Amino acid sequence: MSNREKDATLKREATVEQLLRRAARRTPPSQAFSVVPYAQETDANREFAPDRDADAIVWFLPIFMVAHAICVKIGAI
């Protein structure tokens, strides 16, 4: 390895060390909260939670029963 190659290698190593030091000094960003009306969403993955749709049938069943009763009353079923 020639002197020129050694100098280039040392210069690259110094640059990498400097970049690593800068990255280590940076503070991590604060946790970002998405804003929802009248509240604050603290869990970004809440919409994908396994229990998210657990109550879906609770509101659907009464609506279905009313719609069915109306259809029976008018003779559509």
PDB file of N, CA and C in Angstrom:
ATOM      1  N   MET A   1       0.844  -1.166   0.000  1.00  0.00           N
ATOM      2  CA  MET A   1       0.000   0.000   0.000  1.00  0.00           C
ATOM      3  C   MET A   1       0.895   1.236   0.000  1.00  0.00           C
ATOM      4  N   SER A   2       0.590   2.160  -0.881  1.00  0.00           N
ATOM      5  CA  SER A   2       1.407   3.365  -0.972  1.00  0.00           C
ATOM      6  C   SER A   2       0.988   4.376   0.088  1.00  0.00           C
ATOM      7  N   ASN A   3       1.807   5.400   0.226  1.00  0.00           N
ATOM      8  CA  ASN A   3       1.506   6.454   1.208  1.00  0.00           C
ATOM      9  C   ASN A   3       0.194   7.163   0.887  1.00  0.00           C
ATOM     10  N   ARG A   4      -0.063   7.329  -0.398  1.00  0.00           N
ATOM     11  CA  ARG A   4      -1.277   8.019  -0.820  1.00  0.00           C
ATOM     12  C   ARG A   4      -2.518   7.206  -0.394  1.00  0.00           C
ATOM     13  N   GLU A   5      -2.451   5.886  -0.586  1.00  0.00           N
ATOM     14  CA  GLU A   5      -3.568   5.027  -0.187  1.00  0.00           C
ATOM     15  C   GLU A   5      -3.739   5.018   1.335  1.00  0.00           C
ATOM     16  N   LYS A   6      -2.639   5.020   2.062  1.00  0.00           N
ATOM     17  CA  LYS A   6      -2.708   5.050   3.526  1.00  0.00           C
ATOM     18  C   LYS A   6      -3.335   6.350   4.001  1.00  0.00           C
ATOM     19  N   ASP A   7      -2.937   7.455   3.383  1.00  0.00           N
ATOM     20  CA  ASP A   7      -3.504   8.748   3.760  1.00  0.00           C
ATOM     21  C   ASP A   7      -5.010   8.808   3.471  1.00  0.00           C
ATOM     22  N   ALA A   8      -5.406   8.257   2.313  1.00  0.00           N
ATOM     23  CA  ALA A   8      -6.831   8.255   1.956  1.00  0.00           C
ATOM     24  C   ALA A   8      -7.616   7.391   2.939  1.00  0.00           C
ATOM     25  N   THR A   9      -7.040   6.252   3.319  1.00  0.00           N
ATOM     26  CA  THR A   9      -7.708   5.365   4.268  1.00  0.00           C
ATOM     27  C   THR A   9      -7.839   6.033   5.632  1.00  0.00           C
ATOM     28  N   LEU A  10      -6.784   6.668   6.097  1.00  0.00           N
ATOM     29  CA  LEU A  10      -6.826   7.366   7.380  1.00  0.00           C
ATOM     30  C   LEU A  10      -7.845   8.506   7.364  1.00  0.00           C
ATOM     31  N   LYS A  11      -7.906   9.194   6.229  1.00  0.00           N
ATOM     32  CA  LYS A  11      -8.849  10.300   6.114  1.00  0.00           C
ATOM     33  C   LYS A  11     -10.292   9.780   6.162  1.00  0.00           C
ATOM     34  N   ARG A  12     -10.558   8.657   5.460  1.00  0.00           N
ATOM     35  CA  ARG A  12     -11.890   8.063   5.486  1.00  0.00           C
ATOM     36  C   ARG A  12     -12.253   7.596   6.896  1.00  0.00           C
ATOM     37  N   GLU A  13     -11.293   6.975   7.569  1.00  0.00           N
ATOM     38  CA  GLU A  13     -11.554   6.499   8.930  1.00  0.00           C
ATOM     39  C   GLU A  13     -11.868   7.658   9.867  1.00  0.00           C
ATOM     40  N   ALA A  14     -11.122   8.745   9.716  1.00  0.00           N
ATOM     41  CA  ALA A  14     -11.369   9.921  10.552  1.00  0.00           C
ATOM     42  C   ALA A  14     -12.765  10.496  10.277  1.00  0.00           C
ATOM     43  N   THR A  15     -13.145  10.514   9.010  1.00  0.00           N
ATOM     44  CA  THR A  15     -14.464  11.031   8.646  1.00  0.00           C
ATOM     45  C   THR A  15     -15.564  10.142   9.233  1.00  0.00           C
ATOM     46  N   VAL A  16     -15.384   8.829   9.153  1.00  0.00           N
ATOM     47  CA  VAL A  16     -16.374   7.906   9.702  1.00  0.00           C
ATOM     48  C   VAL A  16     -16.476   8.076  11.211  1.00  0.00           C
ATOM     49  N   GLU A  17     -15.350   8.188  11.891  1.00  0.00           N
ATOM     50  CA  GLU A  17     -15.363   8.385  13.347  1.00  0.00           C
ATOM     51  C   GLU A  17     -16.092   9.671  13.710  1.00  0.00           C
ATOM     52  N   GLN A  18     -15.851  10.722  12.944  1.00  0.00           N
ATOM     53  CA  GLN A  18     -16.499  12.001  13.220  1.00  0.00           C
ATOM     54  C   GLN A  18     -18.023  11.887  13.032  1.00  0.00           C
ATOM     55  N   LEU A  19     -18.442  11.206  11.962  1.00  0.00           N
ATOM     56  CA  LEU A  19     -19.871  11.031  11.728  1.00  0.00           C
ATOM     57  C   LEU A  19     -20.515  10.184  12.827  1.00  0.00           C
ATOM     58  N   LEU A  20     -19.817   9.158  13.272  1.00  0.00           N
ATOM     59  CA  LEU A  20     -20.347   8.317  14.338  1.00  0.00           C
ATOM     60  C   LEU A  20     -20.470   9.096  15.649  1.00  0.00           C
ATOM     61  N   ARG A  21     -19.500   9.940  15.942  1.00  0.00           N
ATOM     62  CA  ARG A  21     -19.575  10.765  17.154  1.00  0.00           C
ATOM     63  C   ARG A  21     -20.769  11.713  17.094  1.00  0.00           C
ATOM     64  N   ARG A  22     -20.978  12.323  15.914  1.00  0.00           N
ATOM     65  CA  ARG A  22     -22.115  13.227  15.756  1.00  0.00           C
ATOM     66  C   ARG A  22     -23.437  12.495  15.953  1.00  0.00           C
ATOM     67  N   ALA A  23     -23.513  11.296  15.380  1.00  0.00           N
ATOM     68  CA  ALA A  23     -24.747  10.515  15.502  1.00  0.00           C
ATOM     69  C   ALA A  23     -24.988  10.106  16.955  1.00  0.00           C
ATOM     70  N   ALA A  24     -23.921   9.816  17.689  1.00  0.00           N
ATOM     71  CA  ALA A  24     -24.067   9.406  19.086  1.00  0.00           C
ATOM     72  C   ALA A  24     -24.513  10.577  19.964  1.00  0.00           C
ATOM     73  N   ARG A  25     -24.145  11.776  19.602  1.00  0.00           N
ATOM     74  CA  ARG A  25     -24.512  12.954  20.391  1.00  0.00           C
ATOM     75  C   ARG A  25     -25.957  13.374  20.194  1.00  0.00           C
ATOM     76  N   ARG A  26     -26.539  13.002  19.070  1.00  0.00           N
ATOM     77  CA  ARG A  26     -27.923  13.403  18.795  1.00  0.00           C
ATOM     78  C   ARG A  26     -28.861  12.762  19.795  1.00  0.00           C
ATOM     79  N   THR A  27     -29.816  13.551  20.238  1.00  0.00           N
ATOM     80  CA  THR A  27     -30.820  13.010  21.158  1.00  0.00           C
ATOM     81  C   THR A  27     -31.931  12.380  20.336  1.00  0.00           C
ATOM     82  N   PRO A  28     -32.540  11.333  20.840  1.00  0.00           N
ATOM     83  CA  PRO A  28     -33.635  10.713  20.093  1.00  0.00           C
ATOM     84  C   PRO A  28     -34.829  11.657  20.033  1.00  0.00           C
ATOM     85  N   PRO A  29     -35.585  11.623  18.949  1.00  0.00           N
ATOM     86  CA  PRO A  29     -36.739  12.520  18.847  1.00  0.00           C
ATOM     87  C   PRO A  29     -37.795  12.154  19.875  1.00  0.00           C
ATOM     88  N   SER A  30     -38.516  13.155  20.322  1.00  0.00           N
ATOM     89  CA  SER A  30     -39.572  12.891  21.305  1.00  0.00           C
ATOM     90  C   SER A  30     -40.696  12.124  20.621  1.00  0.00           C
ATOM     91  N   GLN A  31     -41.465  11.408  21.407  1.00  0.00           N
ATOM     92  CA  GLN A  31     -42.554  10.609  20.854  1.00  0.00           C
ATOM     93  C   GLN A  31     -43.608  11.535  20.273  1.00  0.00           C
ATOM     94  N   ALA A  32     -43.967  11.268  19.035  1.00  0.00           N
ATOM     95  CA  ALA A  32     -44.962  12.090  18.368  1.00  0.00           C
ATOM     96  C   ALA A  32     -46.344  11.503  18.593  1.00  0.00           C
ATOM     97  N   PHE A  33     -47.303  12.349  18.912  1.00  0.00           N
ATOM     98  CA  PHE A  33     -48.672  11.917  19.107  1.00  0.00           C
ATOM     99  C   PHE A  33     -49.503  12.442  17.948  1.00  0.00           C
ATOM    100  N   SER A  34     -50.331  11.591  17.408  1.00  0.00           N
ATOM    101  CA  SER A  34     -51.236  12.070  16.375  1.00  0.00           C
ATOM    102  C   SER A  34     -52.425  12.727  17.074  1.00  0.00           C
ATOM    103  N   VAL A  35     -52.864  13.810  16.531  1.00  0.00           N
ATOM    104  CA  VAL A  35     -53.941  14.559  17.158  1.00  0.00           C
ATOM    105  C   VAL A  35     -55.265  14.100  16.563  1.00  0.00           C
ATOM    106  N   VAL A  36     -56.188  13.748  17.407  1.00  0.00           N
ATOM    107  CA  VAL A  36     -57.545  13.416  16.996  1.00  0.00           C
ATOM    108  C   VAL A  36     -58.465  14.394  17.698  1.00  0.00           C
ATOM    109  N   PRO A  37     -59.618  14.690  17.109  1.00  0.00           N
ATOM    110  CA  PRO A  37     -60.496  15.681  17.727  1.00  0.00           C
ATOM    111  C   PRO A  37     -60.859  15.331  19.160  1.00  0.00           C
ATOM    112  N   TYR A  38     -60.728  16.294  20.045  1.00  0.00           N
ATOM    113  CA  TYR A  38     -61.091  16.196  21.454  1.00  0.00           C
ATOM    114  C   TYR A  38     -60.276  15.180  22.252  1.00  0.00           C
ATOM    115  N   ALA A  39     -59.186  14.691  21.705  1.00  0.00           N
ATOM    116  CA  ALA A  39     -58.384  13.700  22.433  1.00  0.00           C
ATOM    117  C   ALA A  39     -56.997  13.638  21.824  1.00  0.00           C
ATOM    118  N   GLN A  40     -56.216  12.721  22.326  1.00  0.00           N
ATOM    119  CA  GLN A  40     -54.877  12.516  21.796  1.00  0.00           C
ATOM    120  C   GLN A  40     -54.654  11.020  21.618  1.00  0.00           C
ATOM    121  N   GLU A  41     -54.268  10.633  20.430  1.00  0.00           N
ATOM    122  CA  GLU A  41     -54.021   9.220  20.148  1.00  0.00           C
ATOM    123  C   GLU A  41     -52.608   8.891  20.600  1.00  0.00           C
ATOM    124  N   THR A  42     -52.466   7.979  21.546  1.00  0.00           N
ATOM    125  CA  THR A  42     -51.140   7.667  22.070  1.00  0.00           C
ATOM    126  C   THR A  42     -50.556   6.396  21.470  1.00  0.00           C
ATOM    127  N   ASP A  43     -51.376   5.573  20.826  1.00  0.00           N
ATOM    128  CA  ASP A  43     -50.887   4.324  20.251  1.00  0.00           C
ATOM    129  C   ASP A  43     -51.120   4.358  18.751  1.00  0.00           C
ATOM    130  N   ALA A  44     -50.046   4.456  18.000  1.00  0.00           N
ATOM    131  CA  ALA A  44     -50.160   4.562  16.555  1.00  0.00           C
ATOM    132  C   ALA A  44     -50.709   3.288  15.924  1.00  0.00           C
ATOM    133  N   ASN A  45     -50.540   2.140  16.575  1.00  0.00           N
ATOM    134  CA  ASN A  45     -51.003   0.877  16.013  1.00  0.00           C
ATOM    135  C   ASN A  45     -52.359   0.453  16.564  1.00  0.00           C
ATOM    136  N   ARG A  46     -53.068   1.366  17.160  1.00  0.00           N
ATOM    137  CA  ARG A  46     -54.340   1.020  17.793  1.00  0.00           C
ATOM    138  C   ARG A  46     -55.355   0.496  16.783  1.00  0.00           C
ATOM    139  N   GLU A  47     -55.338   1.051  15.570  1.00  0.00           N
ATOM    140  CA  GLU A  47     -56.321   0.604  14.591  1.00  0.00           C
ATOM    141  C   GLU A  47     -56.091  -0.835  14.151  1.00  0.00           C
ATOM    142  N   PHE A  48     -54.886  -1.368  14.389  1.00  0.00           N
ATOM    143  CA  PHE A  48     -54.588  -2.737  14.017  1.00  0.00           C
ATOM    144  C   PHE A  48     -54.633  -3.687  15.216  1.00  0.00           C
ATOM    145  N   ALA A  49     -55.103  -3.212  16.339  1.00  0.00           N
ATOM    146  CA  ALA A  49     -55.158  -4.038  17.536  1.00  0.00           C
ATOM    147  C   ALA A  49     -56.137  -5.192  17.328  1.00  0.00           C
ATOM    148  N   PRO A  50     -55.855  -6.358  17.909  1.00  0.00           N
ATOM    149  CA  PRO A  50     -56.721  -7.508  17.694  1.00  0.00           C
ATOM    150  C   PRO A  50     -58.131  -7.329  18.267  1.00  0.00           C
ATOM    151  N   ASP A  51     -58.280  -6.553  19.317  1.00  0.00           N
ATOM    152  CA  ASP A  51     -59.604  -6.362  19.907  1.00  0.00           C
ATOM    153  C   ASP A  51     -60.320  -5.136  19.356  1.00  0.00           C
ATOM    154  N   ARG A  52     -59.805  -4.567  18.300  1.00  0.00           N
ATOM    155  CA  ARG A  52     -60.396  -3.354  17.729  1.00  0.00           C
ATOM    156  C   ARG A  52     -61.826  -3.607  17.235  1.00  0.00           C
ATOM    157  N   ASP A  53     -62.099  -4.751  16.593  1.00  0.00           N
ATOM    158  CA  ASP A  53     -63.404  -5.035  16.025  1.00  0.00           C
ATOM    159  C   ASP A  53     -64.252  -5.933  16.926  1.00  0.00           C
ATOM    160  N   ALA A  54     -63.894  -6.081  18.172  1.00  0.00           N
ATOM    161  CA  ALA A  54     -64.629  -6.961  19.070  1.00  0.00           C
ATOM    162  C   ALA A  54     -66.054  -6.477  19.300  1.00  0.00           C
ATOM    163  N   ASP A  55     -66.295  -5.183  19.256  1.00  0.00           N
ATOM    164  CA  ASP A  55     -67.631  -4.635  19.516  1.00  0.00           C
ATOM    165  C   ASP A  55     -68.417  -4.364  18.244  1.00  0.00           C
ATOM    166  N   ALA A  56     -67.935  -4.805  17.105  1.00  0.00           N
ATOM    167  CA  ALA A  56     -68.594  -4.503  15.838  1.00  0.00           C
ATOM    168  C   ALA A  56     -69.987  -5.111  15.775  1.00  0.00           C
ATOM    169  N   ILE A  57     -70.170  -6.315  16.250  1.00  0.00           N
ATOM    170  CA  ILE A  57     -71.476  -6.967  16.192  1.00  0.00           C
ATOM    171  C   ILE A  57     -72.464  -6.324  17.149  1.00  0.00           C
ATOM    172  N   VAL A  58     -71.990  -5.682  18.190  1.00  0.00           N
ATOM    173  CA  VAL A  58     -72.875  -5.087  19.193  1.00  0.00           C
ATOM    174  C   VAL A  58     -73.730  -3.984  18.588  1.00  0.00           C
ATOM    175  N   TRP A  59     -73.175  -3.159  17.753  1.00  0.00           N
ATOM    176  CA  TRP A  59     -73.983  -2.089  17.161  1.00  0.00           C
ATOM    177  C   TRP A  59     -74.690  -2.562  15.896  1.00  0.00           C
ATOM    178  N   PHE A  60     -74.194  -3.614  15.236  1.00  0.00           N
ATOM    179  CA  PHE A  60     -74.797  -4.082  13.992  1.00  0.00           C
ATOM    180  C   PHE A  60     -76.097  -4.855  14.245  1.00  0.00           C
ATOM    181  N   LEU A  61     -76.147  -5.646  15.302  1.00  0.00           N
ATOM    182  CA  LEU A  61     -77.292  -6.505  15.574  1.00  0.00           C
ATOM    183  C   LEU A  61     -78.600  -5.720  15.765  1.00  0.00           C
ATOM    184  N   PRO A  62     -78.635  -4.670  16.592  1.00  0.00           N
ATOM    185  CA  PRO A  62     -79.905  -3.921  16.728  1.00  0.00           C
ATOM    186  C   PRO A  62     -80.351  -3.277  15.411  1.00  0.00           C
ATOM    187  N   ILE A  63     -79.404  -2.778  14.634  1.00  0.00           N
ATOM    188  CA  ILE A  63     -79.753  -2.159  13.351  1.00  0.00           C
ATOM    189  C   ILE A  63     -80.349  -3.213  12.421  1.00  0.00           C
ATOM    190  N   PHE A  64     -79.749  -4.396  12.397  1.00  0.00           N
ATOM    191  CA  PHE A  64     -80.248  -5.473  11.558  1.00  0.00           C
ATOM    192  C   PHE A  64     -81.650  -5.888  11.991  1.00  0.00           C
ATOM    193  N   MET A  65     -81.877  -5.985  13.293  1.00  0.00           N
ATOM    194  CA  MET A  65     -83.185  -6.407  13.788  1.00  0.00           C
ATOM    195  C   MET A  65     -84.269  -5.384  13.430  1.00  0.00           C
ATOM    196  N   VAL A  66     -83.962  -4.109  13.531  1.00  0.00           N
ATOM    197  CA  VAL A  66     -84.927  -3.068  13.167  1.00  0.00           C
ATOM    198  C   VAL A  66     -85.212  -3.121  11.666  1.00  0.00           C
ATOM    199  N   ALA A  67     -84.162  -3.251  10.860  1.00  0.00           N
ATOM    200  CA  ALA A  67     -84.343  -3.326   9.409  1.00  0.00           C
ATOM    201  C   ALA A  67     -85.160  -4.567   9.040  1.00  0.00           C
ATOM    202  N   HIS A  68     -84.903  -5.667   9.687  1.00  0.00           N
ATOM    203  CA  HIS A  68     -85.657  -6.898   9.413  1.00  0.00           C
ATOM    204  C   HIS A  68     -87.128  -6.725   9.797  1.00  0.00           C
ATOM    205  N   ALA A  69     -87.378  -6.118  10.938  1.00  0.00           N
ATOM    206  CA  ALA A  69     -88.770  -5.896  11.379  1.00  0.00           C
ATOM    207  C   ALA A  69     -89.520  -5.007  10.390  1.00  0.00           C
ATOM    208  N   ILE A  70     -88.872  -3.981   9.897  1.00  0.00           N
ATOM    209  CA  ILE A  70     -89.500  -3.073   8.926  1.00  0.00           C
ATOM    210  C   ILE A  70     -89.820  -3.828   7.632  1.00  0.00           C
ATOM    211  N   CYS A  71     -88.872  -4.651   7.183  1.00  0.00           N
ATOM    212  CA  CYS A  71     -89.089  -5.416   5.947  1.00  0.00           C
ATOM    213  C   CYS A  71     -90.232  -6.410   6.110  1.00  0.00           C
ATOM    214  N   VAL A  72     -90.329  -7.038   7.264  1.00  0.00           N
ATOM    215  CA  VAL A  72     -91.420  -7.971   7.524  1.00  0.00           C
ATOM    216  C   VAL A  72     -92.755  -7.225   7.557  1.00  0.00           C
ATOM    217  N   LYS A  73     -92.751  -6.059   8.161  1.00  0.00           N
ATOM    218  CA  LYS A  73     -93.980  -5.261   8.308  1.00  0.00           C
ATOM    219  C   LYS A  73     -94.515  -4.833   6.939  1.00  0.00           C
ATOM    220  N   ILE A  74     -93.626  -4.437   6.035  1.00  0.00           N
ATOM    221  CA  ILE A  74     -94.097  -3.994   4.710  1.00  0.00           C
ATOM    222  C   ILE A  74     -94.282  -5.166   3.750  1.00  0.00           C
ATOM    223  N   GLY A  75     -93.926  -6.356   4.173  1.00  0.00           N
ATOM    224  CA  GLY A  75     -94.167  -7.539   3.360  1.00  0.00           C
ATOM    225  C   GLY A  75     -93.085  -7.828   2.348  1.00  0.00           C
ATOM    226  N   ALA A  76     -91.927  -7.261   2.527  1.00  0.00           N
ATOM    227  CA  ALA A  76     -90.826  -7.508   1.595  1.00  0.00           C
ATOM    228  C   ALA A  76     -90.163  -8.848   1.837  1.00  0.00           C
ATOM    229  N   ILE A  77     -90.375  -9.401   3.022  1.00  0.00           N
ATOM    230  CA  ILE A  77     -89.768 -10.716   3.325  1.00  0.00           C
ATOM    231  C   ILE A  77     -90.873 -11.713   3.555  1.00  0.00           C
TER     232      ILE A  77
END
